[in-house]
Structures are given as C-alpha cells and as structure tokens.
Amino acid sequence: MEGYTSTKPSILSCHILTFLFTTIILLSILHNAPPISASHSKLVHGDSSHQNLKHATKAGTIPAKNKEPTSHTKSSRVKSPTITSTHQLLPPVTYTNFIKTSCSATTYPPLCFQTLSPQSLTIKTNPWQLSNDALTISIKSALAASATVSKLAQQRGLTHRDAAAIKDCMENVAGSIGLLRQSREALRSIGRSDSIVFAMDSIKTWVSAAITDESSCTDEFSGGKVSEGVKRKVRSRIARFAKTTSNALALINHLHY
C-alpha cells in the first residue's frame, strides 16, 4: 500500500508538466506566426481603394487613368491668344483696341496701327511700351532709308549735285538714327532718372530734332538741283521714316507722368 500511494502523485505531476509544456509550445507557435499580408488581404477581400476609384470613375467624379480630359478642362487651360485655322496667334482684342485707340491720336493712324499691332502681345495696354516700340520701328525705318540712300550714292552717272545732296542726306539720316537711339535708351531708363519731367523733355527734344534732320534730307532734293529719278527714290524711302518718327513723337507726347 505504501508503494502504490507514493507513485500516484508522481504520475499526476507528470501529466501536469506535460500539459504545461504543450501549452507553452502552442502559445509560442501562435505568437511567432506571420501576420496575414496586405496583398493577401487584397486578393481575398479585394482592394477597396481600387474598387472605390473604379466606382468613382463610372460615376464620372474622377477621370479614369489615361483618359483624355474633357473639352471643358482643355478650354480652361487655354490662355489667349487663341489659335486660328492657319495656326497664327491672334492677340487679344483688348490689346489691339488699345493700340488702335492710341494710334488715333498720331499723325498717321493707319501706319501707326499697321506697324505696332504685330507687337500687341508685348505692348498689351502699356503706353510706355507702346512708345518704346514706336521708337524701335522708327529706327528700323531710318536704317532702311540709310541703306537705300547709300546704294544711290554708289550709282554711276550721278551729277556732282546729286552726289553732294545724297551725301548730305546720309549724314542727316545718321544723325536722326543717333537721336532716336538716344531717345529710346532714355525712355527705357526713365524709372531710374532723377527727374522724369527733365528726361521726358529731353526725349521729346531729341525726337523732334530727328524729324528736323529728316526734313533737311528731303529738302536737299527740292527744286531742280537733283534729277527727278533720284528724287523719287530718296523721297519714297525717307517718307516712311519720317511718318513713323512723327507717330512715335505723338505717342510720347501723350504719355502721363
């Protein structure tokens, strides 16, 4: 009896230890098991964000991937100028109207608008930029006139009077070009000037002097001093130069400062 009684607790203890050991192993396995991956969850349950995007696309609230934006979206991104069928840029009507209105105060409005309207995108509605571009056009016209008169001076068969008159004209045109360039530079630097009034008075004086030099050039060909053929060629070249300079002066005179 004593031997039987002593073995019973040991068997019970063995079962308890086995149970505890098994429990510990199971807990360890559960604790170290890897979590279910997000990709596996998406495969099982479906990607909710993808499905939401898909439903939103069908509903028209979100554009589908690689889908072209609607015409309304495109038009909202287009800024003036618009594009014509010939793929030429058209300036906004506001800019061209500004130039047309400003040119109406000049001596030669049609020529003013013709020469300045192509620069409408640069000028916009800025009267100072308008005057600056008008001086640039005048300088280009002067350079073209100077080149033409220089070619005339190289022609053979000119009389002594014709050659002298052409030489004087070339000098006058060169003087006008210098005055116009000086005026344009002063106009561009007007904000850095100590006195705007003084600077503007100087600009007006220089442009007026340039017009005087042009008139002196054409005066050389008045009367019977120069042959009619030379007169016509020189006058046609100088005329545009004189008109563009007159328009530039008119625009400068209308600046407010």
Protein backbone atom coordinates (compact mmCIF):
# COMPACT_ATOMS: atom_id res chain seq x y z
CA MET A 1 0.00 0.00 0.00
CA GLU A 2 2.75 2.41 0.78
CA GLY A 3 4.37 1.82 -2.68
CA TYR A 4 1.08 2.42 -4.54
CA THR A 5 0.35 5.60 -2.66
CA SER A 6 3.79 7.07 -3.41
CA THR A 7 3.57 6.61 -7.23
CA LYS A 8 0.19 8.31 -7.71
CA PRO A 9 1.42 11.88 -7.06
CA SER A 10 4.35 11.39 -9.39
CA ILE A 11 2.07 10.32 -12.26
CA LEU A 12 -0.19 13.32 -11.67
CA SER A 13 2.78 15.64 -11.64
CA CYS A 14 3.98 14.20 -14.92
CA HIS A 15 0.61 14.88 -16.58
CA ILE A 16 0.58 18.43 -15.29
CA LEU A 17 4.08 19.09 -16.58
CA THR A 18 3.19 17.63 -19.97
CA PHE A 19 0.09 19.84 -20.20
CA LEU A 20 2.03 22.95 -19.26
CA PHE A 21 4.80 22.16 -21.71
CA THR A 22 2.30 21.61 -24.54
CA THR A 23 0.51 24.86 -23.71
CA ILE A 24 3.77 26.78 -23.76
CA ILE A 25 4.67 25.34 -27.18
CA LEU A 26 1.25 26.25 -28.64
CA LEU A 27 1.44 29.79 -27.30
CA SER A 28 4.93 30.17 -28.73
CA ILE A 29 3.78 28.98 -32.16
CA LEU A 30 0.79 31.35 -32.17
CA HIS A 31 2.94 34.26 -31.04
CA ASN A 32 5.57 33.77 -33.77
CA ALA A 33 3.13 33.09 -36.63
CA PRO A 34 3.48 35.70 -39.51
CA PRO A 35 0.58 38.17 -39.92
CA ILE A 36 -1.67 37.98 -42.94
CA SER A 37 -0.09 40.19 -45.66
CA ALA A 38 -1.85 43.19 -47.17
CA SER A 39 -1.52 41.75 -50.65
CA HIS A 40 -3.14 38.50 -49.47
CA SER A 41 -5.92 40.53 -47.88
CA LYS A 42 -6.45 42.41 -51.16
CA LEU A 43 -6.61 39.12 -53.04
CA VAL A 44 -9.12 37.67 -50.60
CA HIS A 45 -11.29 40.69 -49.89
CA GLY A 46 -10.43 42.92 -52.88
CA ASP A 47 -8.63 46.29 -52.94
CA SER A 48 -11.21 48.65 -51.51
CA SER A 49 -9.41 51.79 -52.75
CA HIS A 50 -9.19 50.37 -56.27
CA GLN A 51 -12.86 49.46 -56.18
CA ASN A 52 -13.78 52.91 -54.88
CA LEU A 53 -11.77 54.54 -57.68
CA LYS A 54 -13.43 52.24 -60.18
CA HIS A 55 -16.89 53.14 -58.90
CA ALA A 56 -15.98 56.85 -58.88
CA THR A 57 -14.79 56.63 -62.48
CA LYS A 58 -18.03 55.05 -63.56
CA ALA A 59 -19.94 57.74 -61.70
CA GLY A 60 -18.00 60.44 -63.56
CA THR A 61 -16.50 62.07 -60.48
CA ILE A 62 -12.88 61.10 -61.21
CA PRO A 63 -11.34 60.77 -64.71
CA ALA A 64 -10.16 57.25 -65.40
CA LYS A 65 -6.45 56.60 -65.82
CA ASN A 66 -5.11 57.58 -69.28
CA LYS A 67 -8.46 59.14 -70.11
CA GLU A 68 -8.33 62.39 -72.05
CA PRO A 69 -9.67 65.41 -70.14
CA THR A 70 -12.98 66.77 -71.26
CA SER A 71 -13.22 69.69 -73.64
CA HIS A 72 -14.17 71.91 -70.73
CA THR A 73 -10.94 71.02 -68.93
CA LYS A 74 -8.90 71.75 -72.04
CA SER A 75 -10.52 75.12 -72.69
CA SER A 76 -9.89 76.24 -69.13
CA ARG A 77 -6.17 75.74 -69.68
CA VAL A 78 -6.02 77.63 -72.96
CA LYS A 79 -4.86 81.19 -72.49
CA SER A 80 -5.07 83.98 -75.02
CA PRO A 81 -4.12 84.35 -77.71
CA THR A 82 -6.29 81.78 -79.41
CA ILE A 83 -5.12 79.75 -82.37
CA THR A 84 -6.71 80.15 -85.78
CA SER A 85 -7.01 77.58 -88.52
CA THR A 86 -3.77 78.89 -90.01
CA HIS A 87 -2.01 78.32 -86.68
CA GLN A 88 -1.23 82.02 -86.30
CA LEU A 89 -1.51 83.59 -82.89
CA LEU A 90 -4.18 86.25 -82.64
CA PRO A 91 -3.68 88.93 -79.99
CA PRO A 92 -6.49 89.64 -77.56
CA VAL A 93 -8.99 92.19 -78.80
CA THR A 94 -8.26 94.35 -75.77
CA TYR A 95 -4.64 94.81 -76.82
CA THR A 96 -5.39 95.65 -80.44
CA ASN A 97 -8.13 98.05 -79.40
CA PHE A 98 -5.69 99.80 -77.09
CA ILE A 99 -3.18 100.23 -79.93
CA LYS A 100 -5.87 101.39 -82.33
CA THR A 101 -7.17 103.96 -79.85
CA SER A 102 -3.66 105.21 -79.09
CA CYS A 103 -2.78 105.47 -82.78
CA SER A 104 -5.84 107.61 -83.44
CA ALA A 105 -4.00 110.49 -81.75
CA THR A 106 -1.00 110.25 -84.10
CA THR A 107 -0.35 112.00 -87.40
CA TYR A 108 -0.67 108.80 -89.44
CA PRO A 109 -3.10 106.46 -87.62
CA PRO A 110 -3.29 103.68 -90.26
CA LEU A 111 0.50 103.40 -90.48
CA CYS A 112 0.75 103.53 -86.70
CA PHE A 113 -1.65 100.64 -86.25
CA GLN A 114 -0.13 98.67 -89.11
CA THR A 115 3.37 98.83 -87.67
CA LEU A 116 2.53 98.43 -83.97
CA SER A 117 -0.32 95.90 -83.92
CA PRO A 118 2.04 92.95 -84.61
CA GLN A 119 3.68 93.80 -81.26
CA SER A 120 0.40 93.74 -79.34
CA LEU A 121 1.38 90.77 -77.18
CA THR A 122 4.41 92.71 -75.97
CA ILE A 123 2.71 96.09 -75.72
CA LYS A 124 -0.54 94.85 -74.16
CA THR A 125 -2.05 98.03 -72.66
CA ASN A 126 1.20 99.69 -71.60
CA PRO A 127 1.60 103.17 -73.17
CA TRP A 128 5.29 103.29 -72.24
CA GLN A 129 5.98 100.02 -74.04
CA LEU A 130 3.93 101.33 -76.96
CA SER A 131 6.14 104.41 -77.24
CA ASN A 132 9.28 102.32 -76.90
CA ASP A 133 8.21 100.03 -79.74
CA ALA A 134 7.25 103.03 -81.85
CA LEU A 135 10.80 104.35 -81.50
CA THR A 136 12.18 100.94 -82.44
CA ILE A 137 10.07 100.92 -85.61
CA SER A 138 11.26 104.43 -86.43
CA ILE A 139 14.89 103.37 -86.01
CA LYS A 140 14.36 100.37 -88.31
CA SER A 141 12.78 102.63 -90.92
CA ALA A 142 15.72 105.01 -90.62
CA LEU A 143 18.21 102.19 -91.10
CA ALA A 144 16.34 101.00 -94.19
CA ALA A 145 16.33 104.53 -95.60
CA SER A 146 20.03 104.92 -94.87
CA ALA A 147 20.82 101.67 -96.70
CA THR A 148 18.83 102.80 -99.73
CA VAL A 149 20.45 106.23 -99.86
CA SER A 150 23.88 104.61 -99.52
CA LYS A 151 23.17 102.46 -102.56
CA LEU A 152 22.13 105.52 -104.52
CA ALA A 153 25.41 107.19 -103.64
CA GLN A 154 27.29 104.31 -105.27
CA GLN A 155 25.45 104.53 -108.55
CA ARG A 156 27.33 105.66 -111.59
CA GLY A 157 26.30 108.63 -113.66
CA LEU A 158 25.28 110.87 -110.76
CA THR A 159 25.86 114.52 -111.26
CA HIS A 160 28.02 116.38 -108.81
CA ARG A 161 24.90 117.98 -107.32
CA ASP A 162 23.15 114.63 -106.92
CA ALA A 163 26.17 113.10 -105.20
CA ALA A 164 26.50 116.06 -102.81
CA ALA A 165 22.80 116.01 -101.97
CA ILE A 166 22.86 112.27 -101.29
CA LYS A 167 25.90 112.67 -99.06
CA ASP A 168 24.18 115.37 -97.00
CA CYS A 169 21.08 113.21 -96.76
CA MET A 170 23.10 110.27 -95.48
CA GLU A 171 24.61 112.45 -92.76
CA ASN A 172 21.20 113.75 -91.73
CA VAL A 173 19.72 110.27 -91.56
CA ALA A 174 22.68 109.07 -89.49
CA GLY A 175 22.10 111.97 -87.10
CA SER A 176 18.42 111.03 -86.82
CA ILE A 177 19.28 107.43 -86.03
CA GLY A 178 21.61 108.54 -83.23
CA LEU A 179 18.95 110.80 -81.72
CA LEU A 180 16.27 108.12 -81.89
CA ARG A 181 18.51 105.55 -80.23
CA GLN A 182 19.37 108.03 -77.52
CA SER A 183 15.66 108.72 -77.01
CA ARG A 184 14.77 105.04 -76.76
CA GLU A 185 17.52 104.36 -74.24
CA ALA A 186 16.39 107.31 -72.12
CA LEU A 187 12.79 106.10 -72.28
CA ARG A 188 13.80 102.63 -71.11
CA SER A 189 15.71 104.13 -68.18
CA ILE A 190 13.01 106.61 -67.21
CA GLY A 191 12.37 104.88 -63.87
CA ARG A 192 15.99 105.37 -62.81
CA SER A 193 16.06 109.04 -63.74
CA ASP A 194 16.32 111.70 -61.05
CA SER A 195 13.73 113.83 -62.82
CA ILE A 196 11.11 112.24 -65.05
CA VAL A 197 9.98 115.62 -66.34
CA PHE A 198 13.51 116.59 -67.39
CA ALA A 199 14.10 113.20 -69.01
CA MET A 200 10.84 113.34 -70.94
CA ASP A 201 11.56 116.88 -72.13
CA SER A 202 14.94 115.69 -73.41
CA ILE A 203 13.37 112.74 -75.22
CA LYS A 204 10.82 114.97 -76.93
CA THR A 205 13.57 117.38 -77.98
CA TRP A 206 15.70 114.60 -79.48
CA VAL A 207 12.82 113.04 -81.43
CA SER A 208 11.80 116.46 -82.74
CA ALA A 209 15.41 117.07 -83.84
CA ALA A 210 15.38 113.71 -85.63
CA ILE A 211 12.33 114.83 -87.60
CA THR A 212 14.12 118.07 -88.49
CA ASP A 213 17.10 116.11 -89.84
CA GLU A 214 14.74 114.05 -91.97
CA SER A 215 13.17 117.20 -93.38
CA SER A 216 16.62 118.55 -94.16
CA CYS A 217 17.34 115.37 -96.09
CA THR A 218 14.31 115.76 -98.33
CA ASP A 219 14.99 119.49 -98.71
CA GLU A 220 18.25 118.61 -100.43
CA PHE A 221 16.22 117.14 -103.25
CA SER A 222 13.77 120.01 -103.74
CA GLY A 223 13.76 122.22 -106.81
CA GLY A 224 15.81 121.46 -109.89
CA LYS A 225 19.00 120.76 -108.02
CA VAL A 226 18.64 116.96 -108.27
CA SER A 227 17.32 114.79 -111.09
CA GLU A 228 13.72 113.58 -110.83
CA GLY A 229 14.70 109.90 -110.78
CA VAL A 230 16.88 110.33 -107.71
CA LYS A 231 14.26 112.49 -106.03
CA ARG A 232 11.56 109.84 -106.32
CA LYS A 233 13.75 107.06 -104.95
CA VAL A 234 15.02 109.02 -101.98
CA ARG A 235 11.67 110.55 -101.08
CA SER A 236 9.90 107.20 -101.09
CA ARG A 237 12.47 105.78 -98.67
CA ILE A 238 12.55 108.82 -96.40
CA ALA A 239 8.76 109.23 -96.30
CA ARG A 240 8.14 106.10 -94.21
CA PHE A 241 11.00 107.03 -91.92
CA ALA A 242 9.53 110.48 -91.35
CA LYS A 243 5.99 109.20 -90.75
CA THR A 244 6.97 106.54 -88.23
CA THR A 245 9.08 109.07 -86.32
CA SER A 246 6.19 111.54 -86.28
CA ASN A 247 3.92 108.83 -84.89
CA ALA A 248 6.45 107.96 -82.21
CA LEU A 249 6.63 111.58 -81.09
CA ALA A 250 2.84 111.83 -80.91
CA LEU A 251 2.65 108.74 -78.70
CA ILE A 252 5.40 110.08 -76.44
CA ASN A 253 3.57 113.40 -76.13
CA HIS A 254 0.50 111.55 -74.82
CA LEU A 255 2.35 109.77 -72.01
CA HIS A 256 1.20 110.65 -68.49
CA TYR A 257 3.85 111.06 -65.81
